Amino acid sequence: MSEIKPRFRSIDGLSIRYAESEEPREADALLLSPWPESLFAFDASWARLAGHAHLVAVDLPGFGHSELREDLLSPRAMGEFVVRVADDLGLAKPHVVGPDIGTSAALFAAAAHPGRFSSVTVGSGGASVPLNLTGVLDEWVHAEDLAKYRAMGPKDIVTFALDTIEGYELPDVVRQDYLAAYQGQRFADQMPYVRAYPAELPVLGGLLPGIGTPVQIIAGRKDPVVPPANAEYLHERLPHSRLDVLDTGHFAWEEDADGYARVLTAWWQANAPVPSA
């Protein structure tokens, strides 16, 4: 049985699913759901992370089980919503963890709101310019017609992605949550987010040198869709960053949950928020 207990609240008029750890801590951590998963992506590391911070995991709008709104389906717009979530939940200066699609959103948020976060952790998300994506993700970004994706059943698409997870057997409750999150046309409806990469990642690239927030980058050495070169691109341009490469594929947070949590908690301790006077 998972320790994650999801609930819903209205944020900016949208029904947003989130979950919190029970024990209060000195630090807060805002965990953003990857795609095509949900906030249950942090199930494997939840207990360990909760020993170091008060956790709030969120299904980003349009992803997981949160309500979709078309104007938020781009990294820059999603970055503003991440700040709105932190405000609404009373997170004064959280650590933000944004793997996968959260990478670009979290960095846009950090660029636009200096000092809002204690730190940001990203990785396994498209970042480099020119784009350096491979496999199905590259196809999703550049496909001229989405008709074939709308014709596919959500179970086919999500199962294909989840079957690339190496060395970790998804608990049934987690797998079923992922599958339930992408019923109907929902997966195809989310694709505009990554299809905005060609227009928005060059803008983000120009902002990276001005981001003062400490950024931890975690990449999978064997990632079949987001090569580690994306992480190296960020590390070279962010003025206060650290890069850790784990011996995993794309889903590092599940394939090496212990290693992912170890890097995260060490980063949080090194960048603890300064108590207010």
C-alpha atoms as a PDB file:
ATOM      1  CA  MET A   1       0.000   0.000   0.000  1.00  0.00           C
ATOM      2  CA  SER A   2       1.374   3.384  -1.014  1.00  0.00           C
ATOM      3  CA  GLU A   3       1.994   6.104   1.551  1.00  0.00           C
ATOM      4  CA  ILE A   4       0.826   8.656  -1.008  1.00  0.00           C
ATOM      5  CA  LYS A   5      -2.759   9.766  -0.348  1.00  0.00           C
ATOM      6  CA  PRO A   6      -3.964  12.015  -3.191  1.00  0.00           C
ATOM      7  CA  ARG A   7      -6.648  14.663  -2.879  1.00  0.00           C
ATOM      8  CA  PHE A   8      -7.902  17.563  -4.955  1.00  0.00           C
ATOM      9  CA  ARG A   9      -8.118  21.310  -4.543  1.00  0.00           C
ATOM     10  CA  SER A  10      -9.063  24.169  -6.821  1.00  0.00           C
ATOM     11  CA  ILE A  11      -6.123  26.297  -7.950  1.00  0.00           C
ATOM     12  CA  ASP A  12      -6.741  29.116 -10.432  1.00  0.00           C
ATOM     13  CA  GLY A  13     -10.118  27.553 -11.206  1.00  0.00           C
ATOM     14  CA  LEU A  14      -8.680  24.125 -12.032  1.00  0.00           C
ATOM     15  CA  SER A  15      -9.106  20.854 -10.175  1.00  0.00           C
ATOM     16  CA  ILE A  16      -5.537  19.945  -9.219  1.00  0.00           C
ATOM     17  CA  ARG A  17      -4.534  16.644  -7.630  1.00  0.00           C
ATOM     18  CA  TYR A  18      -1.835  16.707  -4.997  1.00  0.00           C
ATOM     19  CA  ALA A  19      -0.550  14.729  -2.013  1.00  0.00           C
ATOM     20  CA  GLU A  20       1.331  15.731   1.132  1.00  0.00           C
ATOM     21  CA  SER A  21       3.564  13.871   3.546  1.00  0.00           C
ATOM     22  CA  GLU A  22       2.252  13.830   7.094  1.00  0.00           C
ATOM     23  CA  GLU A  23       5.212  14.898   9.233  1.00  0.00           C
ATOM     24  CA  PRO A  24       6.166  18.602   9.426  1.00  0.00           C
ATOM     25  CA  ARG A  25       9.767  19.432   8.522  1.00  0.00           C
ATOM     26  CA  GLU A  26      11.886  22.557   8.416  1.00  0.00           C
ATOM     27  CA  ALA A  27      12.012  22.433   4.610  1.00  0.00           C
ATOM     28  CA  ASP A  28       9.283  22.041   1.990  1.00  0.00           C
ATOM     29  CA  ALA A  29       9.679  20.198  -1.317  1.00  0.00           C
ATOM     30  CA  LEU A  30       7.319  20.608  -4.262  1.00  0.00           C
ATOM     31  CA  LEU A  31       7.451  17.517  -6.502  1.00  0.00           C
ATOM     32  CA  LEU A  32       6.138  17.869 -10.074  1.00  0.00           C
ATOM     33  CA  SER A  33       4.713  14.861 -11.908  1.00  0.00           C
ATOM     34  CA  PRO A  34       6.597  13.494 -14.951  1.00  0.00           C
ATOM     35  CA  TRP A  35       4.931  12.378 -18.207  1.00  0.00           C
ATOM     36  CA  PRO A  36       3.261   9.983 -18.883  1.00  0.00           C
ATOM     37  CA  GLU A  37       3.086   9.152 -15.195  1.00  0.00           C
ATOM     38  CA  SER A  38       1.606  11.004 -12.207  1.00  0.00           C
ATOM     39  CA  LEU A  39       2.554  12.100  -8.704  1.00  0.00           C
ATOM     40  CA  PHE A  40       2.858   8.373  -7.901  1.00  0.00           C
ATOM     41  CA  ALA A  41       6.194   8.532  -9.741  1.00  0.00           C
ATOM     42  CA  PHE A  42       7.631   9.411  -6.318  1.00  0.00           C
ATOM     43  CA  ASP A  43       6.148   6.355  -4.610  1.00  0.00           C
ATOM     44  CA  ALA A  44       9.466   4.477  -4.597  1.00  0.00           C
ATOM     45  CA  SER A  45      11.321   7.315  -2.845  1.00  0.00           C
ATOM     46  CA  TRP A  46       8.487   8.904  -0.848  1.00  0.00           C
ATOM     47  CA  ALA A  47       9.342   7.517   2.598  1.00  0.00           C
ATOM     48  CA  ARG A  48      13.002   8.430   2.316  1.00  0.00           C
ATOM     49  CA  LEU A  49      12.354  11.933   0.985  1.00  0.00           C
ATOM     50  CA  ALA A  50       9.699  12.566   3.636  1.00  0.00           C
ATOM     51  CA  GLY A  51      12.356  12.097   6.293  1.00  0.00           C
ATOM     52  CA  HIS A  52      14.106  15.234   5.036  1.00  0.00           C
ATOM     53  CA  ALA A  53      11.327  17.590   3.906  1.00  0.00           C
ATOM     54  CA  HIS A  54       7.600  18.180   4.007  1.00  0.00           C
ATOM     55  CA  LEU A  55       6.598  16.825   0.595  1.00  0.00           C
ATOM     56  CA  VAL A  56       3.880  18.171  -1.664  1.00  0.00           C
ATOM     57  CA  ALA A  57       3.550  16.212  -4.919  1.00  0.00           C
ATOM     58  CA  VAL A  58       1.412  17.690  -7.688  1.00  0.00           C
ATOM     59  CA  ASP A  59      -0.048  16.447 -10.940  1.00  0.00           C
ATOM     60  CA  LEU A  60       0.622  19.388 -13.243  1.00  0.00           C
ATOM     61  CA  PRO A  61      -2.512  20.741 -14.961  1.00  0.00           C
ATOM     62  CA  GLY A  62      -3.433  18.522 -17.879  1.00  0.00           C
ATOM     63  CA  PHE A  63      -1.195  15.709 -16.644  1.00  0.00           C
ATOM     64  CA  GLY A  64      -1.810  12.876 -14.216  1.00  0.00           C
ATOM     65  CA  HIS A  65      -5.301  13.401 -12.804  1.00  0.00           C
ATOM     66  CA  SER A  66      -5.334  17.217 -12.832  1.00  0.00           C
ATOM     67  CA  GLU A  67      -7.656  19.227 -15.027  1.00  0.00           C
ATOM     68  CA  LEU A  68      -6.314  20.385 -18.379  1.00  0.00           C
ATOM     69  CA  ARG A  69      -6.341  23.942 -19.691  1.00  0.00           C
ATOM     70  CA  GLU A  70      -4.892  24.560 -23.124  1.00  0.00           C
ATOM     71  CA  ASP A  71      -3.182  27.858 -22.322  1.00  0.00           C
ATOM     72  CA  LEU A  72      -0.947  26.085 -19.783  1.00  0.00           C
ATOM     73  CA  LEU A  73       0.418  23.504 -22.222  1.00  0.00           C
ATOM     74  CA  SER A  74       3.822  25.068 -22.698  1.00  0.00           C
ATOM     75  CA  PRO A  75       6.875  25.141 -20.412  1.00  0.00           C
ATOM     76  CA  ARG A  76       6.807  28.890 -19.841  1.00  0.00           C
ATOM     77  CA  ALA A  77       3.112  29.020 -18.927  1.00  0.00           C
ATOM     78  CA  MET A  78       3.492  25.922 -16.764  1.00  0.00           C
ATOM     79  CA  GLY A  79       6.364  27.584 -14.930  1.00  0.00           C
ATOM     80  CA  GLU A  80       4.060  30.401 -13.882  1.00  0.00           C
ATOM     81  CA  PHE A  81       1.521  27.846 -12.691  1.00  0.00           C
ATOM     82  CA  VAL A  82       4.177  26.115 -10.574  1.00  0.00           C
ATOM     83  CA  VAL A  83       4.663  29.405  -8.711  1.00  0.00           C
ATOM     84  CA  ARG A  84       0.895  29.726  -8.345  1.00  0.00           C
ATOM     85  CA  VAL A  85       0.744  26.236  -6.823  1.00  0.00           C
ATOM     86  CA  ALA A  86       3.465  27.095  -4.318  1.00  0.00           C
ATOM     87  CA  ASP A  87       1.621  30.292  -3.393  1.00  0.00           C
ATOM     88  CA  ASP A  88      -1.730  28.546  -3.028  1.00  0.00           C
ATOM     89  CA  LEU A  89      -0.285  25.788  -0.831  1.00  0.00           C
ATOM     90  CA  GLY A  90       1.599  28.238   1.375  1.00  0.00           C
ATOM     91  CA  LEU A  91       5.070  26.976   0.445  1.00  0.00           C
ATOM     92  CA  ALA A  92       7.269  29.947   1.288  1.00  0.00           C
ATOM     93  CA  LYS A  93      10.554  28.835  -0.267  1.00  0.00           C
ATOM     94  CA  PRO A  94      10.359  25.181  -1.311  1.00  0.00           C
ATOM     95  CA  HIS A  95      12.825  22.957  -3.046  1.00  0.00           C
ATOM     96  CA  VAL A  96      11.252  22.219  -6.442  1.00  0.00           C
ATOM     97  CA  VAL A  97      11.789  18.812  -8.048  1.00  0.00           C
ATOM     98  CA  GLY A  98      10.821  18.793 -11.718  1.00  0.00           C
ATOM     99  CA  PRO A  99      11.938  15.728 -13.657  1.00  0.00           C
ATOM    100  CA  ASP A 100      10.967  15.174 -17.298  1.00  0.00           C
ATOM    101  CA  ILE A 101       8.454  17.836 -18.457  1.00  0.00           C
ATOM    102  CA  GLY A 102       9.014  19.635 -15.151  1.00  0.00           C
ATOM    103  CA  THR A 103      12.584  20.468 -16.187  1.00  0.00           C
ATOM    104  CA  SER A 104      11.771  23.370 -18.489  1.00  0.00           C
ATOM    105  CA  ALA A 105       8.796  24.546 -16.397  1.00  0.00           C
ATOM    106  CA  ALA A 106      10.827  24.694 -13.178  1.00  0.00           C
ATOM    107  CA  LEU A 107      13.675  26.557 -14.877  1.00  0.00           C
ATOM    108  CA  PHE A 108      11.315  29.104 -16.455  1.00  0.00           C
ATOM    109  CA  ALA A 109       9.819  29.621 -12.988  1.00  0.00           C
ATOM    110  CA  ALA A 110      13.231  30.090 -11.386  1.00  0.00           C
ATOM    111  CA  ALA A 111      14.240  32.572 -14.092  1.00  0.00           C
ATOM    112  CA  ALA A 112      11.090  34.655 -13.710  1.00  0.00           C
ATOM    113  CA  HIS A 113      10.975  34.545  -9.891  1.00  0.00           C
ATOM    114  CA  PRO A 114      14.474  34.944  -8.431  1.00  0.00           C
ATOM    115  CA  GLY A 115      14.719  33.772  -4.836  1.00  0.00           C
ATOM    116  CA  ARG A 116      11.286  32.121  -4.855  1.00  0.00           C
ATOM    117  CA  PHE A 117      12.743  28.615  -4.426  1.00  0.00           C
ATOM    118  CA  SER A 118      15.481  27.300  -2.150  1.00  0.00           C
ATOM    119  CA  SER A 119      16.679  25.058  -4.977  1.00  0.00           C
ATOM    120  CA  VAL A 120      15.519  23.358  -8.146  1.00  0.00           C
ATOM    121  CA  THR A 121      16.177  19.783  -9.249  1.00  0.00           C
ATOM    122  CA  VAL A 122      15.631  18.882 -12.908  1.00  0.00           C
ATOM    123  CA  GLY A 123      16.651  16.263 -15.452  1.00  0.00           C
ATOM    124  CA  SER A 124      15.358  13.730 -18.011  1.00  0.00           C
ATOM    125  CA  GLY A 125      13.630  16.591 -19.821  1.00  0.00           C
ATOM    126  CA  GLY A 126      14.325  18.264 -23.135  1.00  0.00           C
ATOM    127  CA  ALA A 127      16.577  21.293 -22.652  1.00  0.00           C
ATOM    128  CA  SER A 128      19.311  21.675 -25.249  1.00  0.00           C
ATOM    129  CA  VAL A 129      19.333  23.864 -28.338  1.00  0.00           C
ATOM    130  CA  PRO A 130      19.351  22.643 -31.030  1.00  0.00           C
ATOM    131  CA  LEU A 131      16.934  19.978 -29.771  1.00  0.00           C
ATOM    132  CA  ASN A 132      18.587  16.704 -28.867  1.00  0.00           C
ATOM    133  CA  LEU A 133      15.790  14.178 -28.401  1.00  0.00           C
ATOM    134  CA  THR A 134      15.576  10.608 -29.646  1.00  0.00           C
ATOM    135  CA  GLY A 135      13.080   7.776 -30.024  1.00  0.00           C
ATOM    136  CA  VAL A 136       9.378   8.316 -29.471  1.00  0.00           C
ATOM    137  CA  LEU A 137       9.803  11.690 -27.766  1.00  0.00           C
ATOM    138  CA  ASP A 138      11.464  13.107 -30.871  1.00  0.00           C
ATOM    139  CA  GLU A 139       8.559  11.730 -32.925  1.00  0.00           C
ATOM    140  CA  TRP A 140       5.998  13.312 -30.593  1.00  0.00           C
ATOM    141  CA  VAL A 141       7.679  16.710 -30.841  1.00  0.00           C
ATOM    142  CA  HIS A 142       7.982  16.726 -34.618  1.00  0.00           C
ATOM    143  CA  ALA A 143       4.991  14.694 -35.851  1.00  0.00           C
ATOM    144  CA  GLU A 144       3.154  16.604 -38.573  1.00  0.00           C
ATOM    145  CA  ASP A 145      -0.165  14.950 -37.765  1.00  0.00           C
ATOM    146  CA  LEU A 146      -1.444  13.764 -34.371  1.00  0.00           C
ATOM    147  CA  ALA A 147      -4.230  11.646 -35.888  1.00  0.00           C
ATOM    148  CA  LYS A 148      -2.412   8.355 -35.350  1.00  0.00           C
ATOM    149  CA  TYR A 149      -1.862   9.183 -31.680  1.00  0.00           C
ATOM    150  CA  ARG A 150      -5.528  10.033 -31.244  1.00  0.00           C
ATOM    151  CA  ALA A 151      -6.374   6.696 -32.853  1.00  0.00           C
ATOM    152  CA  MET A 152      -4.193   4.745 -30.411  1.00  0.00           C
ATOM    153  CA  GLY A 153      -5.625   3.605 -27.127  1.00  0.00           C
ATOM    154  CA  PRO A 154      -4.125   5.335 -24.084  1.00  0.00           C
ATOM    155  CA  LYS A 155      -3.223   1.971 -22.623  1.00  0.00           C
ATOM    156  CA  ASP A 156      -1.062   1.225 -25.679  1.00  0.00           C
ATOM    157  CA  ILE A 157       0.877   4.492 -25.445  1.00  0.00           C
ATOM    158  CA  VAL A 158       1.357   4.520 -21.684  1.00  0.00           C
ATOM    159  CA  THR A 159       2.174   0.819 -21.453  1.00  0.00           C
ATOM    160  CA  PHE A 160       4.793   1.242 -24.173  1.00  0.00           C
ATOM    161  CA  ALA A 161       6.462   4.012 -22.186  1.00  0.00           C
ATOM    162  CA  LEU A 162       6.274   2.223 -18.847  1.00  0.00           C
ATOM    163  CA  ASP A 163       7.664  -0.990 -20.289  1.00  0.00           C
ATOM    164  CA  THR A 164      10.972   0.823 -20.853  1.00  0.00           C
ATOM    165  CA  ILE A 165      11.449   1.130 -17.065  1.00  0.00           C
ATOM    166  CA  GLU A 166      14.423  -1.064 -16.203  1.00  0.00           C
ATOM    167  CA  GLY A 167      15.092  -2.907 -12.961  1.00  0.00           C
ATOM    168  CA  TYR A 168      11.953  -1.776 -11.153  1.00  0.00           C
ATOM    169  CA  GLU A 169       8.562  -3.445 -11.084  1.00  0.00           C
ATOM    170  CA  LEU A 170       5.811  -0.864 -10.789  1.00  0.00           C
ATOM    171  CA  PRO A 171       3.429  -1.686  -7.921  1.00  0.00           C
ATOM    172  CA  ASP A 172      -0.004  -2.454  -9.340  1.00  0.00           C
ATOM    173  CA  VAL A 173      -1.590   0.547  -7.602  1.00  0.00           C
ATOM    174  CA  VAL A 174       0.952   2.833  -9.289  1.00  0.00           C
ATOM    175  CA  ARG A 175       0.595   1.291 -12.756  1.00  0.00           C
ATOM    176  CA  GLN A 176      -3.198   1.477 -12.553  1.00  0.00           C
ATOM    177  CA  ASP A 177      -3.020   5.122 -11.496  1.00  0.00           C
ATOM    178  CA  TYR A 178      -0.836   5.921 -14.503  1.00  0.00           C
ATOM    179  CA  LEU A 179      -3.174   4.139 -16.898  1.00  0.00           C
ATOM    180  CA  ALA A 180      -6.275   5.771 -15.413  1.00  0.00           C
ATOM    181  CA  ALA A 181      -4.708   9.198 -15.906  1.00  0.00           C
ATOM    182  CA  TYR A 182      -4.577   8.910 -19.694  1.00  0.00           C
ATOM    183  CA  GLN A 183      -8.004   7.737 -20.753  1.00  0.00           C
ATOM    184  CA  GLY A 184      -9.688   8.847 -23.961  1.00  0.00           C
ATOM    185  CA  GLN A 185      -7.816  11.507 -25.953  1.00  0.00           C
ATOM    186  CA  ARG A 186      -5.939  12.806 -22.942  1.00  0.00           C
ATOM    187  CA  PHE A 187      -2.470  11.740 -24.055  1.00  0.00           C
ATOM    188  CA  ALA A 188      -2.803  13.377 -27.477  1.00  0.00           C
ATOM    189  CA  ASP A 189      -4.289  16.478 -25.826  1.00  0.00           C
ATOM    190  CA  GLN A 190      -1.098  16.814 -23.729  1.00  0.00           C
ATOM    191  CA  MET A 191       1.287  16.630 -26.671  1.00  0.00           C
ATOM    192  CA  PRO A 192       1.249  20.406 -27.380  1.00  0.00           C
ATOM    193  CA  TYR A 193       3.399  20.792 -24.261  1.00  0.00           C
ATOM    194  CA  VAL A 194       6.434  19.012 -25.736  1.00  0.00           C
ATOM    195  CA  ARG A 195       5.607  20.315 -29.210  1.00  0.00           C
ATOM    196  CA  ALA A 196       6.270  23.782 -27.795  1.00  0.00           C
ATOM    197  CA  TYR A 197       9.922  22.830 -27.197  1.00  0.00           C
ATOM    198  CA  PRO A 198      11.239  24.106 -30.576  1.00  0.00           C
ATOM    199  CA  ALA A 199       9.849  27.581 -29.861  1.00  0.00           C
ATOM    200  CA  GLU A 200      10.407  27.816 -26.108  1.00  0.00           C
ATOM    201  CA  LEU A 201      13.682  26.012 -25.365  1.00  0.00           C
ATOM    202  CA  PRO A 202      15.740  28.648 -27.254  1.00  0.00           C
ATOM    203  CA  VAL A 203      14.104  31.300 -25.046  1.00  0.00           C
ATOM    204  CA  LEU A 204      14.940  29.274 -21.936  1.00  0.00           C
ATOM    205  CA  GLY A 205      18.499  28.817 -23.150  1.00  0.00           C
ATOM    206  CA  GLY A 206      18.963  32.575 -23.137  1.00  0.00           C
ATOM    207  CA  LEU A 207      17.703  32.788 -19.550  1.00  0.00           C
ATOM    208  CA  LEU A 208      19.877  30.040 -18.041  1.00  0.00           C
ATOM    209  CA  PRO A 209      22.981  32.162 -17.286  1.00  0.00           C
ATOM    210  CA  GLY A 210      20.842  34.559 -15.237  1.00  0.00           C
ATOM    211  CA  ILE A 211      19.280  31.927 -12.963  1.00  0.00           C
ATOM    212  CA  GLY A 212      20.737  32.407  -9.492  1.00  0.00           C
ATOM    213  CA  THR A 213      18.787  29.573  -7.854  1.00  0.00           C
ATOM    214  CA  PRO A 214      20.949  26.503  -7.151  1.00  0.00           C
ATOM    215  CA  VAL A 215      20.060  23.756  -9.647  1.00  0.00           C
ATOM    216  CA  GLN A 216      20.694  20.028  -9.230  1.00  0.00           C
ATOM    217  CA  ILE A 217      20.580  18.105 -12.511  1.00  0.00           C
ATOM    218  CA  ILE A 218      20.006  14.344 -12.461  1.00  0.00           C
ATOM    219  CA  ALA A 219      20.280  12.399 -15.714  1.00  0.00           C
ATOM    220  CA  GLY A 220      20.085   8.752 -16.706  1.00  0.00           C
ATOM    221  CA  ARG A 221      23.195   7.572 -18.500  1.00  0.00           C
ATOM    222  CA  LYS A 222      21.137   5.222 -20.726  1.00  0.00           C
ATOM    223  CA  ASP A 223      18.122   7.483 -21.286  1.00  0.00           C
ATOM    224  CA  PRO A 224      16.640   6.358 -24.638  1.00  0.00           C
ATOM    225  CA  VAL A 225      14.656   9.556 -25.321  1.00  0.00           C
ATOM    226  CA  VAL A 226      16.486  12.435 -23.574  1.00  0.00           C
ATOM    227  CA  PRO A 227      20.245  11.930 -24.050  1.00  0.00           C
ATOM    228  CA  PRO A 228      22.498  13.095 -21.191  1.00  0.00           C
ATOM    229  CA  ALA A 229      23.736  15.861 -23.500  1.00  0.00           C
ATOM    230  CA  ASN A 230      20.629  17.791 -22.390  1.00  0.00           C
ATOM    231  CA  ALA A 231      21.836  17.686 -18.796  1.00  0.00           C
ATOM    232  CA  GLU A 232      25.347  18.704 -19.820  1.00  0.00           C
ATOM    233  CA  TYR A 233      23.897  21.643 -21.785  1.00  0.00           C
ATOM    234  CA  LEU A 234      22.173  22.891 -18.625  1.00  0.00           C
ATOM    235  CA  HIS A 235      25.203  22.311 -16.418  1.00  0.00           C
ATOM    236  CA  GLU A 236      27.438  24.330 -18.738  1.00  0.00           C
ATOM    237  CA  ARG A 237      25.085  27.342 -18.721  1.00  0.00           C
ATOM    238  CA  LEU A 238      23.606  27.469 -15.215  1.00  0.00           C
ATOM    239  CA  PRO A 239      25.885  29.439 -12.875  1.00  0.00           C
ATOM    240  CA  HIS A 240      25.046  27.442  -9.728  1.00  0.00           C
ATOM    241  CA  SER A 241      24.499  23.849 -10.777  1.00  0.00           C
ATOM    242  CA  ARG A 242      25.574  20.309 -10.009  1.00  0.00           C
ATOM    243  CA  LEU A 243      25.251  17.353 -12.390  1.00  0.00           C
ATOM    244  CA  ASP A 244      24.830  13.741 -11.278  1.00  0.00           C
ATOM    245  CA  VAL A 245      24.463  10.987 -13.862  1.00  0.00           C
ATOM    246  CA  LEU A 246      22.886   7.762 -12.635  1.00  0.00           C
ATOM    247  CA  ASP A 247      23.279   4.392 -14.349  1.00  0.00           C
ATOM    248  CA  THR A 248      19.631   4.309 -15.454  1.00  0.00           C
ATOM    249  CA  GLY A 249      17.356   4.862 -18.404  1.00  0.00           C
ATOM    250  CA  HIS A 250      14.785   7.649 -18.600  1.00  0.00           C
ATOM    251  CA  PHE A 251      12.870   6.957 -15.386  1.00  0.00           C
ATOM    252  CA  ALA A 252      15.758   7.525 -12.970  1.00  0.00           C
ATOM    253  CA  TRP A 253      13.409   8.355 -10.064  1.00  0.00           C
ATOM    254  CA  GLU A 254      12.056   4.788 -10.215  1.00  0.00           C
ATOM    255  CA  GLU A 255      14.885   2.777 -11.761  1.00  0.00           C
ATOM    256  CA  ASP A 256      17.296   3.937  -9.038  1.00  0.00           C
ATOM    257  CA  ALA A 257      15.002   5.377  -6.390  1.00  0.00           C
ATOM    258  CA  ASP A 258      17.655   5.046  -3.670  1.00  0.00           C
ATOM    259  CA  GLY A 259      20.279   6.850  -5.728  1.00  0.00           C
ATOM    260  CA  TYR A 260      17.814   9.528  -6.802  1.00  0.00           C
ATOM    261  CA  ALA A 261      16.745  10.123  -3.195  1.00  0.00           C
ATOM    262  CA  ARG A 262      20.352  10.173  -2.006  1.00  0.00           C
ATOM    263  CA  VAL A 263      21.281  12.900  -4.491  1.00  0.00           C
ATOM    264  CA  LEU A 264      18.124  14.880  -3.700  1.00  0.00           C
ATOM    265  CA  THR A 265      18.438  14.811   0.076  1.00  0.00           C
ATOM    266  CA  ALA A 266      22.131  15.724  -0.010  1.00  0.00           C
ATOM    267  CA  TRP A 267      21.248  18.652  -2.296  1.00  0.00           C
ATOM    268  CA  TRP A 268      18.464  19.805   0.007  1.00  0.00           C
ATOM    269  CA  GLN A 269      20.777  19.703   3.021  1.00  0.00           C
ATOM    270  CA  ALA A 270      23.437  21.688   1.151  1.00  0.00           C
ATOM    271  CA  ASN A 271      20.868  24.307   0.105  1.00  0.00           C
ATOM    272  CA  ALA A 272      18.666  24.486   3.182  1.00  0.00           C
ATOM    273  CA  PRO A 273      16.439  27.573   3.387  1.00  0.00           C
ATOM    274  CA  VAL A 274      17.725  30.259   5.729  1.00  0.00           C
ATOM    275  CA  PRO A 275      15.338  30.634   8.718  1.00  0.00           C
ATOM    276  CA  SER A 276      13.561  33.978   8.835  1.00  0.00           C
ATOM    277  CA  ALA A 277      14.590  36.335  11.625  1.00  0.00           C
END
